[in-house]
Amino acid sequence: MIVGLDMGGTHVDAVIIENKKIIKSIKKPTNRDDLFNSIWTTLDELLLGHNPSKIKRINLSTTISTNAIVESKISKVGMMIQSGPGLSQDFLTCGDETVFLSGSTDHRGRIVSDLNHIEIKKGIQLFQQKNIHACAVITKFSTRNPSHELEIKQILEKNFSTITMGHSLSGKLNFPRRVFTSYLNEAVRHTFYDFSTNIQKSIKDKKIDAPIFILKADGGTMSLSAAENQPVETILSGPAASLMGMKALCPTNKDALLLDIGGTTTDIFFLAQGEPLLEPIGIQIGPYKTLVRATYSASIGIGGDSCITVENGKLKIGPKREGIPYAFGGPKPTPTDAMILLGFIEGNQEKALDAMNLLASSLKQSPEQLAYKILDIMGDQIKKQVDQTLQKINSKPVYTVKDFLYLEKIEPKQIYMIGGPAKVLSPIIENKFHLPCTYPENYDIANAIGAALAKPTTEITLLADTSEGFLSVPELGIYEDIGNHYTLDMAKKRAFELLKESALLLGAQEDEIEPEMIEENSFPMVRGFSTSGQNIRLKVQMKPTLLHSI
């Protein structure tokens, strides 16, 4: 049995899948004040009547890290940054205190100037005065040579509980993004660790002996223990669960628009010839641009539980959600109330009528007319956001999970919808876009299905410089000596070996590992009038895929 759980802004959805069939599902309200309890009570009810020894895997999609950042419920972080010459420092400042250090490393990984230990000592004193217990250390070009980061970490370990080193998070070279990624990783680490500890304790109390995986932003999974070290990878795991659910339930090889309409937001995705789009560098959350690999998505603050108001004689839907629908005892009218009044979904129609009357009195429309108008406006708002997003995507190169550059523009031929309101809104969306729009069976629990079926993913970057005589894989902390006869074929073999090792550390099974080369470059290094060696750059991945179909 595989257990999949997705914690959304409105509901927690969970499923049990056995022999490629859904044998049980459940949907519970999300308690935003106690996210762990929301997850645990859902799991507890889901597993009632089932033998826990049969569970082989638990996959969770959680908003723990995302919410911590959005709601500023984060740890105080001290930043130690070595930016080197020629780079303005002001825009790199983040965290609660930032200390800029002397010393530098060049783009080939050669130490140009050493660290100043007095600066590090003063930084430690500053952090202690500010009651900071977590640190991040980032030096420019640490992916080529991490020795300064490692040296600083060794000094800091005597005084600080957790430390993130920039080179460990990604093999990409973008230094500002590395700084912000490192900051966010430390900022949410304590919150995620508390969540992880509680989950593991509860699972143990239930005598469940199954590995726990967390959904990543790219649609893959990582083990809970790996996520404790790199919780930044779990940001936006909710949209990732949506996408994987739609891939499981709505397979296609066409350009397509995918919509997940929840209680709080509508998430928008696109497929290019059946492949999900990928953020080529990394996602942005709030003001921070990161190196976190993620599927491309856009979100609009409109859903089944969005608050409806009348402003200047016009209906306004969202972007806020102020509670459950009026028909269920909530404070304000919502689109769900309109759906209940019209008989599209079950609920207290008398209360739904009261909700519509609260709005209709100032608009001179019958409650039924108003309910239809609300659903029509929802369709218009979603259409507007989709058009804007598609225009933005088609204005620049498009990357899929294969990092393949498509020269043609994305032109959706089909729309698939999931989420609670999908069945009701499907004909409205079809009319707005003039495209066939369908919703799959189990559309209301698709996110949990996506979470359950997601496989572990990983990506590594191998750099080999034969003239300098070193090989590096920053994500794994591997730095090896090589000879000047090291070849591209040797580098490829090593990259696939290391990817397999990385995947196993993330909890993947042997038969789940399907390595894929997505970038391959080899440049001759010229000194004087002769070639002094080769600069080899490889990127290998396990792309986001499903364990199996339903």
Protein backbone atom coordinates (compact mmCIF):
# COMPACT_ATOMS: atom_id res chain seq x y z
CA MET A 1 0.00 0.00 0.00
CA ILE A 2 1.08 3.56 -0.76
CA VAL A 3 -0.30 6.47 1.25
CA GLY A 4 -0.46 9.91 -0.37
CA LEU A 5 -1.44 13.10 1.45
CA ASP A 6 -1.70 16.68 0.23
CA MET A 7 -2.18 19.57 2.65
CA GLY A 8 -3.85 22.44 0.83
CA GLY A 9 -4.91 25.83 2.07
CA THR A 10 -8.50 24.66 2.57
CA HIS A 11 -8.48 20.86 2.81
CA VAL A 12 -6.17 17.96 3.56
CA ASP A 13 -6.70 15.18 1.00
CA ALA A 14 -5.38 11.66 1.48
CA VAL A 15 -5.55 8.34 -0.37
CA ILE A 16 -4.43 4.75 -0.04
CA ILE A 17 -3.37 3.09 -3.29
CA GLU A 18 -2.91 -0.67 -3.54
CA ASN A 19 -2.28 -2.72 -6.69
CA LYS A 20 -2.74 0.46 -8.78
CA LYS A 21 -6.21 1.07 -7.35
CA ILE A 22 -7.52 3.67 -4.91
CA ILE A 23 -8.93 1.67 -2.01
CA LYS A 24 -9.72 4.58 0.31
CA SER A 25 -9.75 8.38 0.24
CA ILE A 26 -10.58 11.14 2.69
CA LYS A 27 -10.91 14.93 2.73
CA LYS A 28 -10.64 16.98 5.94
CA PRO A 29 -10.57 20.76 6.64
CA THR A 30 -7.12 22.29 7.12
CA ASN A 31 -6.52 23.81 10.55
CA ARG A 32 -4.13 26.63 9.67
CA ASP A 33 -3.26 27.15 13.32
CA ASP A 34 -2.11 23.55 13.72
CA LEU A 35 -0.86 22.11 10.45
CA PHE A 36 0.72 19.04 12.01
CA ASN A 37 -2.55 18.09 13.71
CA SER A 38 -4.37 18.58 10.38
CA ILE A 39 -2.08 16.04 8.78
CA TRP A 40 -2.09 13.58 11.63
CA THR A 41 -5.87 13.46 12.21
CA THR A 42 -6.34 12.92 8.47
CA LEU A 43 -3.82 10.08 8.40
CA ASP A 44 -5.30 8.58 11.54
CA GLU A 45 -8.77 8.41 10.01
CA LEU A 46 -7.45 7.26 6.63
CA LEU A 47 -5.61 4.30 8.12
CA LEU A 48 -8.50 3.18 10.35
CA GLY A 49 -9.29 -0.42 9.53
CA HIS A 50 -6.11 -1.03 7.51
CA ASN A 51 -3.10 -3.10 8.50
CA PRO A 52 -0.20 -0.62 9.04
CA SER A 53 2.36 -3.33 8.27
CA LYS A 54 1.18 -3.34 4.62
CA ILE A 55 2.15 0.30 4.08
CA LYS A 56 5.26 0.46 1.88
CA ARG A 57 5.58 4.23 1.49
CA ILE A 58 4.04 7.47 2.77
CA ASN A 59 4.30 10.52 0.49
CA LEU A 60 3.39 13.92 1.94
CA SER A 61 2.85 17.21 0.17
CA THR A 62 3.00 19.91 2.83
CA THR A 63 2.82 23.70 3.02
CA ILE A 64 4.99 23.80 6.16
CA SER A 65 7.98 25.54 4.54
CA THR A 66 5.95 27.78 2.23
CA ASN A 67 3.69 28.99 5.04
CA ALA A 68 6.64 29.65 7.33
CA ILE A 69 8.12 32.02 4.73
CA VAL A 70 4.85 33.69 3.67
CA GLU A 71 3.76 34.23 7.28
CA SER A 72 7.29 35.22 8.46
CA LYS A 73 7.30 32.42 11.04
CA ILE A 74 10.98 31.77 10.45
CA SER A 75 14.19 31.46 12.43
CA LYS A 76 16.65 34.27 12.90
CA VAL A 77 19.55 33.69 10.52
CA GLY A 78 23.07 35.09 10.46
CA MET A 79 24.60 35.32 7.00
CA MET A 80 28.33 35.13 6.26
CA ILE A 81 28.97 36.04 2.64
CA GLN A 82 32.22 36.21 0.70
CA SER A 83 31.27 38.03 -2.49
CA GLY A 84 34.77 38.65 -3.85
CA PRO A 85 35.76 41.66 -5.96
CA GLY A 86 33.55 43.39 -8.52
CA LEU A 87 30.15 42.67 -7.01
CA SER A 88 27.93 45.11 -5.13
CA GLN A 89 27.09 43.80 -1.66
CA ASP A 90 23.96 45.81 -0.84
CA PHE A 91 21.46 43.69 -2.78
CA LEU A 92 22.84 40.47 -1.24
CA THR A 93 21.94 41.52 2.31
CA CYS A 94 19.32 39.23 3.82
CA GLY A 95 18.58 37.47 7.08
CA ASP A 96 18.77 39.15 10.47
CA GLU A 97 22.46 40.07 10.27
CA THR A 98 24.80 39.90 7.30
CA VAL A 99 28.59 39.86 7.59
CA PHE A 100 30.66 40.29 4.42
CA LEU A 101 34.03 38.59 4.54
CA SER A 102 37.34 39.24 2.80
CA GLY A 103 39.00 36.66 0.59
CA SER A 104 38.02 35.28 -2.80
CA THR A 105 38.08 32.33 -5.19
CA ASP A 106 38.16 32.71 -8.98
CA HIS A 107 35.88 31.06 -11.53
CA ARG A 108 38.29 28.14 -11.96
CA GLY A 109 38.20 27.36 -8.24
CA ARG A 110 41.61 28.84 -7.43
CA ILE A 111 42.06 30.66 -4.11
CA VAL A 112 42.97 34.27 -4.89
CA SER A 113 43.06 35.65 -1.32
CA ASP A 114 42.63 33.99 2.06
CA LEU A 115 39.99 34.39 4.73
CA ASN A 116 40.34 36.91 7.53
CA HIS A 117 39.66 35.00 10.76
CA ILE A 118 39.27 38.19 12.77
CA GLU A 119 36.23 39.09 10.61
CA ILE A 120 34.70 35.67 11.25
CA LYS A 121 35.24 36.02 15.01
CA LYS A 122 33.56 39.44 15.01
CA GLY A 123 30.69 37.99 13.02
CA ILE A 124 30.21 35.23 15.59
CA GLN A 125 30.13 37.80 18.40
CA LEU A 126 27.56 39.88 16.50
CA PHE A 127 25.30 36.86 15.92
CA GLN A 128 25.51 35.85 19.57
CA GLN A 129 24.61 39.36 20.69
CA LYS A 130 21.52 39.20 18.46
CA ASN A 131 20.54 35.77 19.84
CA ILE A 132 20.98 34.12 16.41
CA HIS A 133 21.41 30.34 16.48
CA ALA A 134 21.34 29.49 12.75
CA CYS A 135 23.83 30.51 10.05
CA ALA A 136 24.35 30.32 6.32
CA VAL A 137 27.77 30.54 4.68
CA ILE A 138 28.10 31.41 1.00
CA THR A 139 31.31 32.13 -0.91
CA LYS A 140 31.45 33.02 -4.59
CA PHE A 141 32.44 30.13 -6.86
CA SER A 142 32.16 27.67 -3.97
CA THR A 143 30.75 25.17 -6.48
CA ARG A 144 34.25 25.09 -7.99
CA ASN A 145 36.08 25.10 -4.66
CA PRO A 146 34.20 24.95 -1.32
CA SER A 147 37.29 25.14 0.91
CA HIS A 148 36.43 28.59 2.30
CA GLU A 149 32.86 27.56 3.09
CA LEU A 150 34.08 24.39 4.78
CA GLU A 151 36.65 26.31 6.82
CA ILE A 152 34.10 28.89 7.97
CA LYS A 153 31.59 26.15 8.87
CA GLN A 154 34.20 24.38 10.98
CA ILE A 155 34.73 27.58 12.96
CA LEU A 156 31.01 28.27 13.36
CA GLU A 157 30.08 24.73 14.46
CA LYS A 158 31.33 25.41 18.00
CA ASN A 159 28.71 28.12 18.51
CA PHE A 160 25.71 27.48 16.22
CA SER A 161 23.23 24.64 16.00
CA THR A 162 22.65 24.53 12.23
CA ILE A 163 24.67 25.84 9.29
CA THR A 164 23.86 25.80 5.58
CA MET A 165 26.72 25.93 3.08
CA GLY A 166 25.83 27.44 -0.28
CA HIS A 167 27.67 24.89 -2.41
CA SER A 168 25.60 22.01 -1.00
CA LEU A 169 22.28 23.27 -2.41
CA SER A 170 22.87 23.42 -6.16
CA GLY A 171 25.55 23.06 -8.81
CA LYS A 172 24.32 26.13 -10.68
CA LEU A 173 26.59 29.18 -10.62
CA ASN A 174 24.13 32.03 -9.97
CA PHE A 175 25.66 33.58 -6.81
CA PRO A 176 22.82 35.92 -5.69
CA ARG A 177 20.28 33.12 -6.01
CA ARG A 178 22.61 30.86 -4.02
CA VAL A 179 22.72 33.45 -1.24
CA PHE A 180 18.92 33.69 -1.01
CA THR A 181 18.43 29.93 -1.30
CA SER A 182 20.85 29.38 1.58
CA TYR A 183 19.08 31.99 3.67
CA LEU A 184 15.64 30.45 3.15
CA ASN A 185 16.97 26.97 3.87
CA GLU A 186 18.17 28.04 7.30
CA ALA A 187 15.12 30.24 7.91
CA VAL A 188 12.71 27.29 7.68
CA ARG A 189 14.96 24.49 8.92
CA HIS A 190 13.88 24.63 12.58
CA THR A 191 10.18 24.77 11.70
CA PHE A 192 10.51 21.83 9.31
CA TYR A 193 12.56 19.83 11.80
CA ASP A 194 9.85 20.21 14.46
CA PHE A 195 7.26 19.04 11.92
CA SER A 196 9.44 16.10 10.88
CA THR A 197 10.08 15.03 14.47
CA ASN A 198 6.37 15.08 15.28
CA ILE A 199 5.49 13.09 12.16
CA GLN A 200 8.10 10.43 12.87
CA LYS A 201 7.02 10.11 16.51
CA SER A 202 3.36 9.76 15.55
CA ILE A 203 4.14 7.19 12.86
CA LYS A 204 6.22 5.20 15.33
CA ASP A 205 3.43 5.33 17.94
CA LYS A 206 1.11 3.79 15.33
CA LYS A 207 3.69 1.02 14.75
CA ILE A 208 4.03 1.99 11.09
CA ASP A 209 7.40 0.97 9.67
CA ALA A 210 7.34 2.68 6.29
CA PRO A 211 9.64 5.31 4.75
CA ILE A 212 8.25 8.85 4.64
CA PHE A 213 8.84 11.06 1.63
CA ILE A 214 8.16 14.76 1.10
CA LEU A 215 7.12 16.22 -2.23
CA LYS A 216 9.58 18.69 -3.76
CA ALA A 217 8.82 21.72 -5.91
CA ASP A 218 9.86 19.84 -9.06
CA GLY A 219 7.19 17.16 -8.64
CA GLY A 220 9.54 14.52 -7.25
CA THR A 221 10.09 13.36 -3.70
CA MET A 222 12.90 13.22 -1.16
CA SER A 223 13.16 11.26 2.06
CA LEU A 224 12.08 13.00 5.25
CA SER A 225 15.63 12.87 6.61
CA ALA A 226 17.01 14.49 3.43
CA ALA A 227 14.31 17.17 3.64
CA GLU A 228 15.44 18.02 7.19
CA ASN A 229 18.78 19.14 5.74
CA GLN A 230 17.32 20.87 2.68
CA PRO A 231 13.77 21.95 3.59
CA VAL A 232 13.96 24.75 1.00
CA GLU A 233 13.39 21.99 -1.61
CA THR A 234 9.89 21.43 -0.19
CA ILE A 235 8.68 24.97 -0.96
CA LEU A 236 5.64 24.92 -3.27
CA SER A 237 5.20 21.17 -2.96
CA GLY A 238 1.42 21.73 -3.15
CA PRO A 239 1.37 22.83 -6.79
CA ALA A 240 3.78 19.98 -7.54
CA ALA A 241 1.25 17.49 -6.15
CA SER A 242 -1.45 19.06 -8.35
CA LEU A 243 0.66 18.64 -11.45
CA MET A 244 1.62 15.04 -10.72
CA GLY A 245 -2.03 14.24 -10.00
CA MET A 246 -3.08 15.62 -13.36
CA LYS A 247 -0.29 13.68 -15.09
CA ALA A 248 -1.60 10.52 -13.45
CA LEU A 249 -5.26 11.13 -14.29
CA CYS A 250 -5.06 13.12 -17.53
CA PRO A 251 -2.25 11.71 -19.71
CA THR A 252 -1.67 13.56 -23.00
CA ASN A 253 1.09 14.30 -25.52
CA LYS A 254 -0.44 17.63 -26.59
CA ASP A 255 0.03 21.23 -25.52
CA ALA A 256 -2.44 21.58 -22.68
CA LEU A 257 -3.71 23.89 -19.96
CA LEU A 258 -4.07 22.37 -16.50
CA LEU A 259 -6.15 24.02 -13.76
CA ASP A 260 -6.38 23.07 -10.11
CA ILE A 261 -9.25 25.02 -8.58
CA GLY A 262 -9.12 24.71 -4.82
CA GLY A 263 -10.86 26.46 -1.97
CA THR A 264 -8.37 29.31 -1.72
CA THR A 265 -6.50 29.56 -5.03
CA THR A 266 -6.48 28.37 -8.61
CA ASP A 267 -3.12 26.98 -9.75
CA ILE A 268 -2.30 27.17 -13.45
CA PHE A 269 0.06 24.82 -15.34
CA PHE A 270 0.94 24.23 -18.98
CA LEU A 271 2.20 21.20 -20.86
CA ALA A 272 4.37 21.46 -23.96
CA GLN A 273 3.72 18.34 -26.05
CA GLY A 274 2.70 16.56 -22.87
CA GLU A 275 5.76 17.62 -20.83
CA PRO A 276 5.44 19.95 -17.81
CA LEU A 277 7.25 23.27 -18.00
CA LEU A 278 10.23 23.82 -15.74
CA GLU A 279 11.59 26.98 -14.18
CA PRO A 280 15.00 27.00 -15.93
CA ILE A 281 16.95 28.58 -13.06
CA GLY A 282 14.75 28.32 -9.96
CA ILE A 283 11.55 29.55 -8.36
CA GLN A 284 10.92 32.88 -6.70
CA ILE A 285 9.10 33.08 -3.38
CA GLY A 286 8.29 36.54 -2.11
CA PRO A 287 11.22 38.83 -2.96
CA TYR A 288 13.72 35.96 -3.07
CA LYS A 289 14.90 34.40 -6.32
CA THR A 290 16.24 30.92 -5.61
CA LEU A 291 18.01 27.98 -7.20
CA VAL A 292 15.22 25.59 -6.18
CA ARG A 293 14.27 23.54 -9.22
CA ALA A 294 10.52 23.61 -9.77
CA THR A 295 7.77 23.03 -12.27
CA TYR A 296 6.33 26.23 -13.71
CA SER A 297 3.05 27.34 -12.20
CA ALA A 298 1.07 30.51 -11.65
CA SER A 299 -1.54 31.13 -9.01
CA ILE A 300 -4.57 33.41 -8.70
CA GLY A 301 -6.40 34.12 -5.45
CA ILE A 302 -9.74 32.73 -6.47
CA GLY A 303 -11.35 29.47 -5.35
CA GLY A 304 -14.51 27.91 -4.06
CA ASP A 305 -14.19 29.59 -0.66
CA SER A 306 -13.02 33.02 -1.85
CA CYS A 307 -14.74 35.92 -0.13
CA ILE A 308 -17.30 37.79 -2.32
CA THR A 309 -17.98 41.48 -1.78
CA VAL A 310 -19.69 44.31 -3.65
CA GLU A 311 -17.44 47.26 -4.46
CA ASN A 312 -18.69 50.29 -6.42
CA GLY A 313 -21.73 48.34 -7.55
CA LYS A 314 -19.70 45.39 -8.86
CA LEU A 315 -19.01 41.92 -7.56
CA LYS A 316 -15.48 41.21 -6.41
CA ILE A 317 -14.34 37.61 -5.85
CA GLY A 318 -11.19 37.04 -3.79
CA PRO A 319 -8.30 37.19 -3.44
CA LYS A 320 -8.89 36.63 0.27
CA ARG A 321 -10.51 33.64 1.91
CA GLU A 322 -12.12 34.59 5.22
CA GLY A 323 -13.36 31.19 6.28
CA ILE A 324 -15.68 28.38 5.24
CA PRO A 325 -18.66 29.13 2.96
CA TYR A 326 -21.67 30.94 4.45
CA ALA A 327 -23.83 27.83 3.91
CA PHE A 328 -21.52 25.91 6.25
CA GLY A 329 -21.47 28.59 8.93
CA GLY A 330 -18.84 30.90 7.49
CA PRO A 331 -18.77 34.70 7.74
CA LYS A 332 -19.06 35.77 4.07
CA PRO A 333 -20.67 34.67 0.79
CA THR A 334 -18.45 32.52 -1.45
CA PRO A 335 -18.67 30.86 -4.89
CA THR A 336 -19.42 27.60 -3.08
CA ASP A 337 -22.62 29.20 -1.77
CA ALA A 338 -23.59 30.03 -5.36
CA MET A 339 -22.97 26.41 -6.39
CA ILE A 340 -25.07 25.12 -3.48
CA LEU A 341 -27.99 27.46 -4.26
CA LEU A 342 -28.02 26.31 -7.89
CA GLY A 343 -28.02 22.66 -6.80
CA PHE A 344 -24.62 21.86 -8.33
CA ILE A 345 -23.18 20.64 -5.02
CA GLU A 346 -24.72 19.54 -1.74
CA GLY A 347 -25.16 21.93 1.16
CA ASN A 348 -27.65 24.02 3.11
CA GLN A 349 -29.59 25.79 0.37
CA GLU A 350 -31.43 28.06 2.81
CA LYS A 351 -28.13 29.40 4.13
CA ALA A 352 -26.79 29.64 0.58
CA LEU A 353 -29.87 31.70 -0.33
CA ASP A 354 -29.18 33.99 2.62
CA ALA A 355 -25.60 34.42 1.35
CA MET A 356 -26.79 35.45 -2.12
CA ASN A 357 -29.40 37.81 -0.62
CA LEU A 358 -26.64 39.61 1.28
CA LEU A 359 -25.17 40.52 -2.13
CA ALA A 360 -28.33 40.74 -4.24
CA SER A 361 -29.95 43.53 -2.20
CA SER A 362 -27.55 46.13 -3.58
CA LEU A 363 -27.33 44.75 -7.14
CA LYS A 364 -31.02 44.44 -8.04
CA GLN A 365 -30.69 40.84 -9.21
CA SER A 366 -32.40 37.68 -8.08
CA PRO A 367 -30.29 35.32 -5.96
CA GLU A 368 -30.27 32.75 -8.78
CA GLN A 369 -29.14 35.32 -11.38
CA LEU A 370 -26.45 36.47 -9.00
CA ALA A 371 -25.23 32.89 -8.42
CA TYR A 372 -24.82 32.32 -12.17
CA LYS A 373 -23.10 35.71 -12.45
CA ILE A 374 -20.58 34.72 -9.76
CA LEU A 375 -19.59 31.55 -11.62
CA ASP A 376 -19.30 33.52 -14.86
CA ILE A 377 -17.00 36.07 -13.20
CA MET A 378 -14.85 33.23 -11.85
CA GLY A 379 -14.43 31.98 -15.39
CA ASP A 380 -13.49 35.46 -16.62
CA GLN A 381 -10.90 35.98 -13.89
CA ILE A 382 -9.29 32.61 -14.54
CA LYS A 383 -9.26 33.26 -18.30
CA LYS A 384 -7.59 36.64 -17.79
CA GLN A 385 -4.84 35.18 -15.60
CA VAL A 386 -4.23 32.27 -17.98
CA ASP A 387 -3.92 34.62 -20.96
CA GLN A 388 -1.43 36.82 -19.11
CA THR A 389 0.60 33.83 -17.98
CA LEU A 390 0.66 32.26 -21.44
CA GLN A 391 1.77 35.55 -23.00
CA LYS A 392 4.62 35.74 -20.49
CA ILE A 393 5.69 32.16 -21.18
CA ASN A 394 5.63 32.59 -24.95
CA SER A 395 7.73 35.75 -24.79
CA LYS A 396 10.86 33.77 -23.84
CA PRO A 397 12.42 30.32 -24.35
CA VAL A 398 10.37 27.50 -22.88
CA TYR A 399 11.95 24.67 -20.88
CA THR A 400 10.38 21.37 -19.96
CA VAL A 401 11.55 18.84 -17.40
CA LYS A 402 13.98 17.65 -20.06
CA ASP A 403 15.49 21.15 -20.27
CA PHE A 404 14.58 21.01 -23.96
CA LEU A 405 14.18 24.36 -25.68
CA TYR A 406 11.01 24.64 -27.71
CA LEU A 407 11.18 27.18 -30.51
CA GLU A 408 7.43 27.15 -31.17
CA LYS A 409 4.90 28.81 -28.91
CA ILE A 410 2.67 26.85 -26.57
CA GLU A 411 -0.87 26.65 -27.92
CA PRO A 412 -3.13 24.60 -25.62
CA LYS A 413 -5.42 22.19 -27.43
CA GLN A 414 -7.06 20.77 -24.32
CA ILE A 415 -7.95 21.85 -20.77
CA TYR A 416 -7.96 19.51 -17.78
CA MET A 417 -9.35 20.53 -14.41
CA ILE A 418 -9.13 19.14 -10.89
CA GLY A 419 -10.20 20.41 -7.48
CA GLY A 420 -13.56 20.55 -5.71
CA PRO A 421 -15.29 23.02 -8.11
CA ALA A 422 -13.90 21.37 -11.28
CA LYS A 423 -17.10 19.57 -12.28
CA VAL A 424 -19.23 22.70 -11.86
CA LEU A 425 -16.84 25.08 -13.60
CA SER A 426 -15.78 22.80 -16.46
CA PRO A 427 -18.54 23.90 -18.92
CA ILE A 428 -17.96 27.56 -18.01
CA ILE A 429 -14.21 27.30 -18.62
CA GLU A 430 -14.83 25.42 -21.87
CA ASN A 431 -17.07 28.25 -23.07
CA LYS A 432 -14.56 30.95 -22.08
CA PHE A 433 -11.59 29.32 -23.84
CA HIS A 434 -13.43 27.64 -26.73
CA LEU A 435 -11.41 24.50 -26.00
CA PRO A 436 -12.51 21.05 -24.85
CA CYS A 437 -12.40 20.99 -21.06
CA THR A 438 -12.68 17.82 -19.02
CA TYR A 439 -12.23 16.68 -15.44
CA PRO A 440 -11.07 13.18 -14.53
CA GLU A 441 -12.59 10.67 -12.16
CA ASN A 442 -11.36 11.43 -8.64
CA TYR A 443 -10.89 15.08 -9.64
CA ASP A 444 -11.51 16.18 -6.06
CA ILE A 445 -8.59 14.16 -4.59
CA ALA A 446 -6.18 14.40 -7.53
CA ASN A 447 -3.53 16.19 -5.46
CA ALA A 448 -3.31 13.32 -2.98
CA ILE A 449 -3.05 10.86 -5.88
CA GLY A 450 -0.22 12.93 -7.36
CA ALA A 451 1.58 12.98 -4.03
CA ALA A 452 1.19 9.22 -3.62
CA LEU A 453 2.56 8.33 -7.05
CA ALA A 454 5.48 10.79 -7.28
CA LYS A 455 8.93 9.18 -7.53
CA PRO A 456 12.15 10.52 -5.98
CA THR A 457 13.99 13.03 -8.15
CA THR A 458 17.46 14.49 -8.03
CA GLU A 459 19.82 16.48 -10.19
CA ILE A 460 23.62 16.72 -10.04
CA THR A 461 26.15 18.90 -11.82
CA LEU A 462 29.59 17.45 -12.58
CA LEU A 463 32.45 19.81 -13.43
CA ALA A 464 35.83 18.43 -14.49
CA ASP A 465 38.84 20.68 -15.21
CA THR A 466 41.72 18.54 -16.46
CA SER A 467 44.21 21.42 -16.61
CA GLU A 468 43.60 22.16 -12.90
CA GLY A 469 43.30 18.44 -12.15
CA PHE A 470 40.01 18.37 -10.22
CA LEU A 471 36.43 17.09 -10.49
CA SER A 472 33.55 18.50 -8.47
CA VAL A 473 29.91 17.61 -7.80
CA PRO A 474 28.82 20.45 -5.48
CA GLU A 475 25.40 19.01 -4.53
CA LEU A 476 27.10 15.93 -3.07
CA GLY A 477 30.14 17.68 -1.62
CA ILE A 478 32.44 15.65 -3.89
CA TYR A 479 35.79 17.11 -4.95
CA GLU A 480 38.27 14.66 -6.49
CA ASP A 481 41.68 14.82 -8.12
CA ILE A 482 41.82 13.74 -11.76
CA GLY A 483 44.58 13.39 -14.33
CA ASN A 484 45.01 15.43 -17.49
CA HIS A 485 43.87 12.42 -19.55
CA TYR A 486 40.40 12.43 -18.01
CA THR A 487 37.83 12.16 -20.83
CA LEU A 488 34.22 13.11 -21.44
CA ASP A 489 33.22 9.42 -21.45
CA MET A 490 34.87 8.91 -18.06
CA ALA A 491 33.02 11.95 -16.73
CA LYS A 492 29.69 10.60 -18.02
CA LYS A 493 30.21 7.25 -16.34
CA ARG A 494 31.13 8.96 -13.06
CA ALA A 495 28.10 11.27 -13.27
CA PHE A 496 25.67 8.38 -13.68
CA GLU A 497 27.31 6.50 -10.80
CA LEU A 498 26.99 9.52 -8.53
CA LEU A 499 23.41 10.22 -9.56
CA LYS A 500 22.51 6.67 -8.60
CA GLU A 501 24.21 7.10 -5.21
CA SER A 502 22.38 10.40 -4.69
CA ALA A 503 19.02 8.86 -5.60
CA LEU A 504 19.54 6.00 -3.15
CA LEU A 505 20.36 8.49 -0.39
CA LEU A 506 17.06 10.27 -1.15
CA GLY A 507 15.21 6.99 -0.63
CA ALA A 508 14.81 5.77 -4.21
CA GLN A 509 14.67 2.04 -4.92
CA GLU A 510 17.07 0.49 -7.43
CA ASP A 511 14.32 -0.17 -9.97
CA GLU A 512 13.08 3.45 -9.77
CA ILE A 513 16.35 5.02 -10.89
CA GLU A 514 16.31 6.15 -14.53
CA PRO A 515 19.20 8.61 -15.03
CA GLU A 516 19.00 11.08 -17.88
CA MET A 517 21.70 13.38 -19.29
CA ILE A 518 20.23 16.87 -19.80
CA GLU A 519 23.38 18.94 -20.37
CA GLU A 520 26.72 17.96 -21.87
CA ASN A 521 29.58 20.33 -22.72
CA SER A 522 33.31 19.94 -23.17
CA PHE A 523 35.56 22.93 -23.92
CA PRO A 524 39.29 22.91 -24.68
CA MET A 525 41.34 25.10 -22.33
CA VAL A 526 43.89 27.06 -24.34
CA ARG A 527 47.11 28.40 -22.86
CA GLY A 528 49.36 30.26 -25.26
CA PHE A 529 49.00 28.49 -28.59
CA SER A 530 48.26 25.00 -27.32
CA THR A 531 45.49 23.14 -25.53
CA SER A 532 46.23 22.68 -21.83
CA GLY A 533 43.24 20.53 -20.97
CA GLN A 534 39.46 20.12 -21.08
CA ASN A 535 36.69 21.82 -19.14
CA ILE A 536 33.83 19.31 -18.90
CA ARG A 537 30.35 20.23 -17.64
CA LEU A 538 27.59 17.67 -17.24
CA LYS A 539 24.13 17.78 -15.71
CA VAL A 540 22.30 14.53 -14.98
CA GLN A 541 18.83 14.08 -13.51
CA MET A 542 16.11 11.73 -12.44
CA LYS A 543 13.14 13.59 -13.89
CA PRO A 544 9.76 13.84 -12.15
CA THR A 545 7.75 10.76 -13.09
CA LEU A 546 5.07 8.52 -11.60
CA LEU A 547 5.58 5.23 -9.79
CA HIS A 548 2.80 3.75 -11.91
CA SER A 549 -0.57 4.58 -13.41
CA ILE A 550 -3.95 4.25 -11.72
